[in-house]
Amino acid sequence: MPRYDFRCRACGSTFEVSRPMSASDDPAICPEGHDDTVKLLSTVAMTGGAAAPRATGGGCCGGGCCSS
């Protein structure tokens, strides 16, 4: 289940809420009981073992249209 980050405007605390994507825009209550919260934008870091393919050729377009 996705987790969404929220910040309380009343007390300034930041907290996470796990909920289905269909409820991602629903309001959230902070752990202190305040209801004046805002959903924060999250950044996602993707890591993996695959490397990007190496470029072949040269020049600005792979060496096909550039003159030396």
Protein backbone atom coordinates (compact mmCIF):
# COMPACT_ATOMS: atom_id res chain seq x y z
CA MET A 1 0.00 0.00 0.00
CA PRO A 2 1.46 3.42 -0.91
CA ARG A 3 2.58 5.82 1.80
CA TYR A 4 1.88 9.54 1.56
CA ASP A 5 3.68 12.30 3.46
CA PHE A 6 1.67 15.06 5.11
CA ARG A 7 2.58 18.16 7.11
CA CYS A 8 0.39 19.72 9.76
CA ARG A 9 -0.02 23.48 9.36
CA ALA A 10 -1.04 23.88 13.00
CA CYS A 11 1.90 22.18 14.76
CA GLY A 12 4.41 21.68 11.91
CA SER A 13 4.80 17.93 12.34
CA THR A 14 5.42 15.73 9.31
CA PHE A 15 3.84 12.27 9.21
CA GLU A 16 3.09 9.38 6.84
CA VAL A 17 -0.25 7.81 6.02
CA SER A 18 -0.63 4.44 4.29
CA ARG A 19 -3.72 4.26 2.12
CA PRO A 20 -4.87 3.00 -1.27
CA MET A 21 -4.13 5.13 -4.31
CA SER A 22 -7.86 5.75 -4.74
CA ALA A 23 -7.79 7.65 -1.42
CA SER A 24 -4.53 9.54 -2.03
CA ASP A 25 -6.23 12.96 -2.08
CA ASP A 26 -8.37 12.40 1.02
CA PRO A 27 -7.64 14.73 3.95
CA ALA A 28 -5.51 13.42 6.82
CA ILE A 29 -5.54 14.14 10.55
CA CYS A 30 -2.14 14.71 12.17
CA PRO A 31 -1.10 12.53 15.14
CA GLU A 32 -1.81 15.50 17.44
CA GLY A 33 -5.43 15.64 16.20
CA HIS A 34 -5.22 18.72 13.96
CA ASP A 35 -7.08 18.61 10.66
CA ASP A 36 -5.27 21.47 8.87
CA THR A 37 -2.81 19.32 6.92
CA VAL A 38 -1.29 19.39 3.47
CA LYS A 39 -0.03 16.49 1.35
CA LEU A 40 3.66 16.83 0.47
CA LEU A 41 5.25 15.98 -2.84
CA SER A 42 7.41 12.90 -2.52
CA THR A 43 10.58 12.06 -4.36
CA VAL A 44 11.20 8.51 -5.44
CA ALA A 45 14.70 7.12 -5.82
CA MET A 46 15.05 4.20 -8.18
CA THR A 47 18.20 2.17 -7.96
CA GLY A 48 19.21 -0.88 -9.88
CA GLY A 49 22.10 -2.97 -11.03
CA ALA A 50 21.73 -2.35 -14.77
CA ALA A 51 24.05 0.19 -16.33
CA ALA A 52 23.09 2.53 -19.13
CA PRO A 53 24.24 1.38 -22.55
CA ARG A 54 27.46 2.93 -23.77
CA ALA A 55 27.22 5.39 -26.61
CA THR A 56 28.93 4.32 -29.80
CA GLY A 57 30.26 6.49 -32.57
CA GLY A 58 31.03 10.08 -31.82
CA GLY A 59 30.14 13.65 -32.47
CA CYS A 60 26.84 15.34 -31.94
CA CYS A 61 24.79 12.80 -33.87
CA GLY A 62 26.72 9.58 -33.64
CA GLY A 63 29.26 10.64 -36.25
CA GLY A 64 26.94 10.44 -39.25
CA CYS A 65 26.42 14.09 -40.17
CA CYS A 66 29.31 15.93 -38.52
CA SER A 67 32.41 16.72 -40.53
CA SER A 68 35.85 16.85 -38.97
